[in-house]
Amino acid sequence: MEVIINQQCYQLPDAGTLADALTVFGLKQTAGIAVAVNSNIVPKNEWATFLLRPSDAVFVIRATQGG
């Protein structure tokens, strides 16, 4: 199935989870990361079981420090 991660299309296996999508996206470090699916934040403890559907829009947000 195809999902959109940060405005780019990625292929996932059917019944892919959010954790699968983040692996395909190349995310290795999850500290300071927030993820939304279709504009809804998904808690980190649900990533491994959160099933995606075709054409879901995933947005990965990385916290940064400023000053």
PDB file of N, CA and C in Angstrom:
ATOM      1  N   MET A   1       0.843  -1.171   0.000  1.00  0.00           N
ATOM      2  CA  MET A   1       0.000   0.000   0.000  1.00  0.00           C
ATOM      3  C   MET A   1       0.890   1.235   0.000  1.00  0.00           C
ATOM      4  N   GLU A   2       0.335   2.322  -0.445  1.00  0.00           N
ATOM      5  CA  GLU A   2       1.077   3.577  -0.511  1.00  0.00           C
ATOM      6  C   GLU A   2       0.585   4.531   0.580  1.00  0.00           C
ATOM      7  N   VAL A   3       1.537   5.098   1.315  1.00  0.00           N
ATOM      8  CA  VAL A   3       1.230   6.130   2.298  1.00  0.00           C
ATOM      9  C   VAL A   3       2.103   7.345   2.003  1.00  0.00           C
ATOM     10  N   ILE A   4       1.719   8.457   2.557  1.00  0.00           N
ATOM     11  CA  ILE A   4       2.466   9.700   2.350  1.00  0.00           C
ATOM     12  C   ILE A   4       3.133  10.064   3.675  1.00  0.00           C
ATOM     13  N   ILE A   5       4.447  10.199   3.638  1.00  0.00           N
ATOM     14  CA  ILE A   5       5.204  10.585   4.831  1.00  0.00           C
ATOM     15  C   ILE A   5       5.921  11.883   4.520  1.00  0.00           C
ATOM     16  N   ASN A   6       5.599  12.910   5.278  1.00  0.00           N
ATOM     17  CA  ASN A   6       6.174  14.242   5.054  1.00  0.00           C
ATOM     18  C   ASN A   6       6.128  14.634   3.580  1.00  0.00           C
ATOM     19  N   GLN A   7       4.965  14.437   2.987  1.00  0.00           N
ATOM     20  CA  GLN A   7       4.633  14.852   1.627  1.00  0.00           C
ATOM     21  C   GLN A   7       5.355  14.065   0.532  1.00  0.00           C
ATOM     22  N   GLN A   8       5.872  12.868   0.864  1.00  0.00           N
ATOM     23  CA  GLN A   8       6.468  11.990  -0.137  1.00  0.00           C
ATOM     24  C   GLN A   8       5.811  10.617  -0.036  1.00  0.00           C
ATOM     25  N   CYS A   9       5.627   9.970  -1.167  1.00  0.00           N
ATOM     26  CA  CYS A   9       4.978   8.661  -1.205  1.00  0.00           C
ATOM     27  C   CYS A   9       5.973   7.547  -0.879  1.00  0.00           C
ATOM     28  N   TYR A  10       5.498   6.592  -0.076  1.00  0.00           N
ATOM     29  CA  TYR A  10       6.296   5.427   0.297  1.00  0.00           C
ATOM     30  C   TYR A  10       5.411   4.198   0.179  1.00  0.00           C
ATOM     31  N   GLN A  11       6.027   3.070  -0.178  1.00  0.00           N
ATOM     32  CA  GLN A  11       5.324   1.797  -0.270  1.00  0.00           C
ATOM     33  C   GLN A  11       5.520   1.020   1.028  1.00  0.00           C
ATOM     34  N   LEU A  12       4.420   0.495   1.552  1.00  0.00           N
ATOM     35  CA  LEU A  12       4.453  -0.348   2.745  1.00  0.00           C
ATOM     36  C   LEU A  12       3.732  -1.650   2.429  1.00  0.00           C
ATOM     37  N   PRO A  13       4.043  -2.703   3.183  1.00  0.00           N
ATOM     38  CA  PRO A  13       3.257  -3.926   3.011  1.00  0.00           C
ATOM     39  C   PRO A  13       1.825  -3.684   3.484  1.00  0.00           C
ATOM     40  N   ASP A  14       0.876  -4.459   2.949  1.00  0.00           N
ATOM     41  CA  ASP A  14      -0.498  -4.375   3.452  1.00  0.00           C
ATOM     42  C   ASP A  14      -0.465  -4.647   4.953  1.00  0.00           C
ATOM     43  N   ALA A  15      -1.358  -4.020   5.678  1.00  0.00           N
ATOM     44  CA  ALA A  15      -1.423  -4.133   7.140  1.00  0.00           C
ATOM     45  C   ALA A  15      -0.146  -3.605   7.786  1.00  0.00           C
ATOM     46  N   GLY A  16       0.489  -2.614   7.153  1.00  0.00           N
ATOM     47  CA  GLY A  16       1.687  -2.000   7.729  1.00  0.00           C
ATOM     48  C   GLY A  16       1.323  -1.119   8.909  1.00  0.00           C
ATOM     49  N   THR A  17       2.215  -1.072   9.873  1.00  0.00           N
ATOM     50  CA  THR A  17       2.002  -0.249  11.060  1.00  0.00           C
ATOM     51  C   THR A  17       2.738   1.078  10.916  1.00  0.00           C
ATOM     52  N   LEU A  18       2.456   1.969  11.824  1.00  0.00           N
ATOM     53  CA  LEU A  18       3.163   3.245  11.840  1.00  0.00           C
ATOM     54  C   LEU A  18       4.652   3.020  12.070  1.00  0.00           C
ATOM     55  N   ALA A  19       5.010   2.064  12.918  1.00  0.00           N
ATOM     56  CA  ALA A  19       6.422   1.740  13.139  1.00  0.00           C
ATOM     57  C   ALA A  19       7.079   1.270  11.841  1.00  0.00           C
ATOM     58  N   ASP A  20       6.370   0.472  11.039  1.00  0.00           N
ATOM     59  CA  ASP A  20       6.886   0.038   9.737  1.00  0.00           C
ATOM     60  C   ASP A  20       7.151   1.245   8.839  1.00  0.00           C
ATOM     61  N   ALA A  21       6.208   2.171   8.825  1.00  0.00           N
ATOM     62  CA  ALA A  21       6.348   3.362   7.984  1.00  0.00           C
ATOM     63  C   ALA A  21       7.558   4.189   8.403  1.00  0.00           C
ATOM     64  N   LEU A  22       7.784   4.310   9.699  1.00  0.00           N
ATOM     65  CA  LEU A  22       8.923   5.096  10.172  1.00  0.00           C
ATOM     66  C   LEU A  22      10.242   4.425   9.816  1.00  0.00           C
ATOM     67  N   THR A  23      10.257   3.103   9.784  1.00  0.00           N
ATOM     68  CA  THR A  23      11.455   2.376   9.357  1.00  0.00           C
ATOM     69  C   THR A  23      11.723   2.621   7.875  1.00  0.00           C
ATOM     70  N   VAL A  24      10.683   2.529   7.055  1.00  0.00           N
ATOM     71  CA  VAL A  24      10.823   2.783   5.621  1.00  0.00           C
ATOM     72  C   VAL A  24      11.266   4.229   5.378  1.00  0.00           C
ATOM     73  N   PHE A  25      10.773   5.137   6.193  1.00  0.00           N
ATOM     74  CA  PHE A  25      11.136   6.550   6.109  1.00  0.00           C
ATOM     75  C   PHE A  25      12.607   6.770   6.475  1.00  0.00           C
ATOM     76  N   GLY A  26      13.196   5.822   7.208  1.00  0.00           N
ATOM     77  CA  GLY A  26      14.605   5.925   7.585  1.00  0.00           C
ATOM     78  C   GLY A  26      14.829   6.518   8.959  1.00  0.00           C
ATOM     79  N   LEU A  27      13.793   6.584   9.760  1.00  0.00           N
ATOM     80  CA  LEU A  27      13.906   7.149  11.101  1.00  0.00           C
ATOM     81  C   LEU A  27      14.579   6.135  12.013  1.00  0.00           C
ATOM     82  N   LYS A  28      15.733   6.504  12.554  1.00  0.00           N
ATOM     83  CA  LYS A  28      16.470   5.600  13.434  1.00  0.00           C
ATOM     84  C   LYS A  28      16.409   6.064  14.884  1.00  0.00           C
ATOM     85  N   GLN A  29      16.373   7.339  15.095  1.00  0.00           N
ATOM     86  CA  GLN A  29      16.332   7.925  16.437  1.00  0.00           C
ATOM     87  C   GLN A  29      14.915   8.425  16.691  1.00  0.00           C
ATOM     88  N   THR A  30      14.268   7.941  17.756  1.00  0.00           N
ATOM     89  CA  THR A  30      12.894   8.359  18.017  1.00  0.00           C
ATOM     90  C   THR A  30      12.784   9.371  19.153  1.00  0.00           C
ATOM     91  N   ALA A  31      13.895   9.682  19.802  1.00  0.00           N
ATOM     92  CA  ALA A  31      13.850  10.692  20.870  1.00  0.00           C
ATOM     93  C   ALA A  31      13.561  12.056  20.249  1.00  0.00           C
ATOM     94  N   GLY A  32      12.650  12.788  20.850  1.00  0.00           N
ATOM     95  CA  GLY A  32      12.316  14.113  20.359  1.00  0.00           C
ATOM     96  C   GLY A  32      11.474  14.112  19.100  1.00  0.00           C
ATOM     97  N   ILE A  33      10.803  12.995  18.826  1.00  0.00           N
ATOM     98  CA  ILE A  33       9.994  12.862  17.617  1.00  0.00           C
ATOM     99  C   ILE A  33       8.518  12.778  18.005  1.00  0.00           C
ATOM    100  N   ALA A  34       7.686  13.463  17.254  1.00  0.00           N
ATOM    101  CA  ALA A  34       6.239  13.323  17.361  1.00  0.00           C
ATOM    102  C   ALA A  34       5.728  12.933  15.980  1.00  0.00           C
ATOM    103  N   VAL A  35       4.673  12.141  15.949  1.00  0.00           N
ATOM    104  CA  VAL A  35       4.128  11.670  14.675  1.00  0.00           C
ATOM    105  C   VAL A  35       2.624  11.878  14.669  1.00  0.00           C
ATOM    106  N   ALA A  36       2.138  12.418  13.561  1.00  0.00           N
ATOM    107  CA  ALA A  36       0.695  12.579  13.357  1.00  0.00           C
ATOM    108  C   ALA A  36       0.284  11.785  12.125  1.00  0.00           C
ATOM    109  N   VAL A  37      -0.881  11.193  12.191  1.00  0.00           N
ATOM    110  CA  VAL A  37      -1.469  10.503  11.047  1.00  0.00           C
ATOM    111  C   VAL A  37      -2.802  11.191  10.759  1.00  0.00           C
ATOM    112  N   ASN A  38      -2.905  11.715   9.548  1.00  0.00           N
ATOM    113  CA  ASN A  38      -4.113  12.447   9.153  1.00  0.00           C
ATOM    114  C   ASN A  38      -4.453  13.538  10.167  1.00  0.00           C
ATOM    115  N   SER A  39      -3.424  14.274  10.585  1.00  0.00           N
ATOM    116  CA  SER A  39      -3.538  15.418  11.502  1.00  0.00           C
ATOM    117  C   SER A  39      -3.851  15.045  12.948  1.00  0.00           C
ATOM    118  N   ASN A  40      -3.762  13.774  13.300  1.00  0.00           N
ATOM    119  CA  ASN A  40      -3.991  13.330  14.679  1.00  0.00           C
ATOM    120  C   ASN A  40      -2.708  12.753  15.251  1.00  0.00           C
ATOM    121  N   ILE A  41      -2.242  13.311  16.372  1.00  0.00           N
ATOM    122  CA  ILE A  41      -1.019  12.819  17.011  1.00  0.00           C
ATOM    123  C   ILE A  41      -1.247  11.382  17.485  1.00  0.00           C
ATOM    124  N   VAL A  42      -0.243  10.531  17.229  1.00  0.00           N
ATOM    125  CA  VAL A  42      -0.288   9.145  17.689  1.00  0.00           C
ATOM    126  C   VAL A  42       0.771   8.987  18.768  1.00  0.00           C
ATOM    127  N   PRO A  43       0.393   8.595  19.995  1.00  0.00           N
ATOM    128  CA  PRO A  43       1.377   8.409  21.066  1.00  0.00           C
ATOM    129  C   PRO A  43       2.422   7.354  20.684  1.00  0.00           C
ATOM    130  N   LYS A  44       3.636   7.580  21.126  1.00  0.00           N
ATOM    131  CA  LYS A  44       4.750   6.691  20.776  1.00  0.00           C
ATOM    132  C   LYS A  44       4.473   5.241  21.162  1.00  0.00           C
ATOM    133  N   ASN A  45       3.792   5.024  22.279  1.00  0.00           N
ATOM    134  CA  ASN A  45       3.541   3.643  22.713  1.00  0.00           C
ATOM    135  C   ASN A  45       2.528   2.921  21.819  1.00  0.00           C
ATOM    136  N   GLU A  46       1.917   3.619  20.860  1.00  0.00           N
ATOM    137  CA  GLU A  46       0.971   2.999  19.918  1.00  0.00           C
ATOM    138  C   GLU A  46       1.564   2.787  18.521  1.00  0.00           C
ATOM    139  N   TRP A  47       2.767   3.271  18.268  1.00  0.00           N
ATOM    140  CA  TRP A  47       3.350   3.195  16.925  1.00  0.00           C
ATOM    141  C   TRP A  47       3.432   1.772  16.397  1.00  0.00           C
ATOM    142  N   ALA A  48       3.789   0.808  17.253  1.00  0.00           N
ATOM    143  CA  ALA A  48       3.994  -0.575  16.800  1.00  0.00           C
ATOM    144  C   ALA A  48       2.686  -1.276  16.442  1.00  0.00           C
ATOM    145  N   THR A  49       1.562  -0.784  16.954  1.00  0.00           N
ATOM    146  CA  THR A  49       0.286  -1.447  16.704  1.00  0.00           C
ATOM    147  C   THR A  49      -0.690  -0.606  15.878  1.00  0.00           C
ATOM    148  N   PHE A  50      -0.330   0.633  15.591  1.00  0.00           N
ATOM    149  CA  PHE A  50      -1.213   1.530  14.851  1.00  0.00           C
ATOM    150  C   PHE A  50      -1.187   1.148  13.373  1.00  0.00           C
ATOM    151  N   LEU A  51      -2.286   0.589  12.877  1.00  0.00           N
ATOM    152  CA  LEU A  51      -2.352   0.155  11.482  1.00  0.00           C
ATOM    153  C   LEU A  51      -2.663   1.334  10.564  1.00  0.00           C
ATOM    154  N   LEU A  52      -1.910   1.412   9.490  1.00  0.00           N
ATOM    155  CA  LEU A  52      -2.130   2.456   8.496  1.00  0.00           C
ATOM    156  C   LEU A  52      -3.046   1.942   7.399  1.00  0.00           C
ATOM    157  N   ARG A  53      -3.694   2.879   6.719  1.00  0.00           N
ATOM    158  CA  ARG A  53      -4.550   2.566   5.577  1.00  0.00           C
ATOM    159  C   ARG A  53      -3.945   3.224   4.336  1.00  0.00           C
ATOM    160  N   PRO A  54      -4.264   2.706   3.157  1.00  0.00           N
ATOM    161  CA  PRO A  54      -3.751   3.326   1.931  1.00  0.00           C
ATOM    162  C   PRO A  54      -4.071   4.824   1.893  1.00  0.00           C
ATOM    163  N   SER A  55      -3.097   5.598   1.473  1.00  0.00           N
ATOM    164  CA  SER A  55      -3.194   7.056   1.321  1.00  0.00           C
ATOM    165  C   SER A  55      -3.204   7.822   2.631  1.00  0.00           C
ATOM    166  N   ASP A  56      -2.948   7.162   3.767  1.00  0.00           N
ATOM    167  CA  ASP A  56      -2.811   7.910   5.021  1.00  0.00           C
ATOM    168  C   ASP A  56      -1.664   8.903   4.883  1.00  0.00           C
ATOM    169  N   ALA A  57      -1.834  10.042   5.522  1.00  0.00           N
ATOM    170  CA  ALA A  57      -0.802  11.078   5.528  1.00  0.00           C
ATOM    171  C   ALA A  57      -0.123  11.080   6.895  1.00  0.00           C
ATOM    172  N   VAL A  58       1.166  10.746   6.891  1.00  0.00           N
ATOM    173  CA  VAL A  58       1.962  10.691   8.118  1.00  0.00           C
ATOM    174  C   VAL A  58       2.868  11.910   8.129  1.00  0.00           C
ATOM    175  N   PHE A  59       2.926  12.588   9.264  1.00  0.00           N
ATOM    176  CA  PHE A  59       3.790  13.757   9.391  1.00  0.00           C
ATOM    177  C   PHE A  59       4.702  13.543  10.584  1.00  0.00           C
ATOM    178  N   VAL A  60       6.011  13.544  10.336  1.00  0.00           N
ATOM    179  CA  VAL A  60       7.015  13.333  11.377  1.00  0.00           C
ATOM    180  C   VAL A  60       7.568  14.708  11.758  1.00  0.00           C
ATOM    181  N   ILE A  61       7.508  15.003  13.058  1.00  0.00           N
ATOM    182  CA  ILE A  61       7.960  16.291  13.580  1.00  0.00           C
ATOM    183  C   ILE A  61       9.133  16.033  14.535  1.00  0.00           C
ATOM    184  N   ARG A  62      10.218  16.728  14.290  1.00  0.00           N
ATOM    185  CA  ARG A  62      11.409  16.588  15.136  1.00  0.00           C
ATOM    186  C   ARG A  62      11.546  17.865  15.979  1.00  0.00           C
ATOM    187  N   ALA A  63      11.620  17.682  17.285  1.00  0.00           N
ATOM    188  CA  ALA A  63      11.805  18.817  18.185  1.00  0.00           C
ATOM    189  C   ALA A  63      13.218  19.377  18.020  1.00  0.00           C
ATOM    190  N   THR A  64      13.312  20.680  18.016  1.00  0.00           N
ATOM    191  CA  THR A  64      14.618  21.340  17.934  1.00  0.00           C
ATOM    192  C   THR A  64      14.713  22.387  19.017  1.00  0.00           C
ATOM    193  N   GLN A  65      15.933  22.698  19.380  1.00  0.00           N
ATOM    194  CA  GLN A  65      16.153  23.750  20.375  1.00  0.00           C
ATOM    195  C   GLN A  65      16.492  25.030  19.653  1.00  0.00           C
ATOM    196  N   GLY A  66      16.017  26.107  20.187  1.00  0.00           N
ATOM    197  CA  GLY A  66      16.316  27.406  19.594  1.00  0.00           C
ATOM    198  C   GLY A  66      16.753  28.377  20.672  1.00  0.00           C
ATOM    199  N   GLY A  67      17.147  29.498  20.218  1.00  0.00           N
ATOM    200  CA  GLY A  67      17.563  30.449  21.237  1.00  0.00           C
ATOM    201  C   GLY A  67      17.729  31.825  20.682  1.00  0.00           C
TER     202      GLY A  67
END
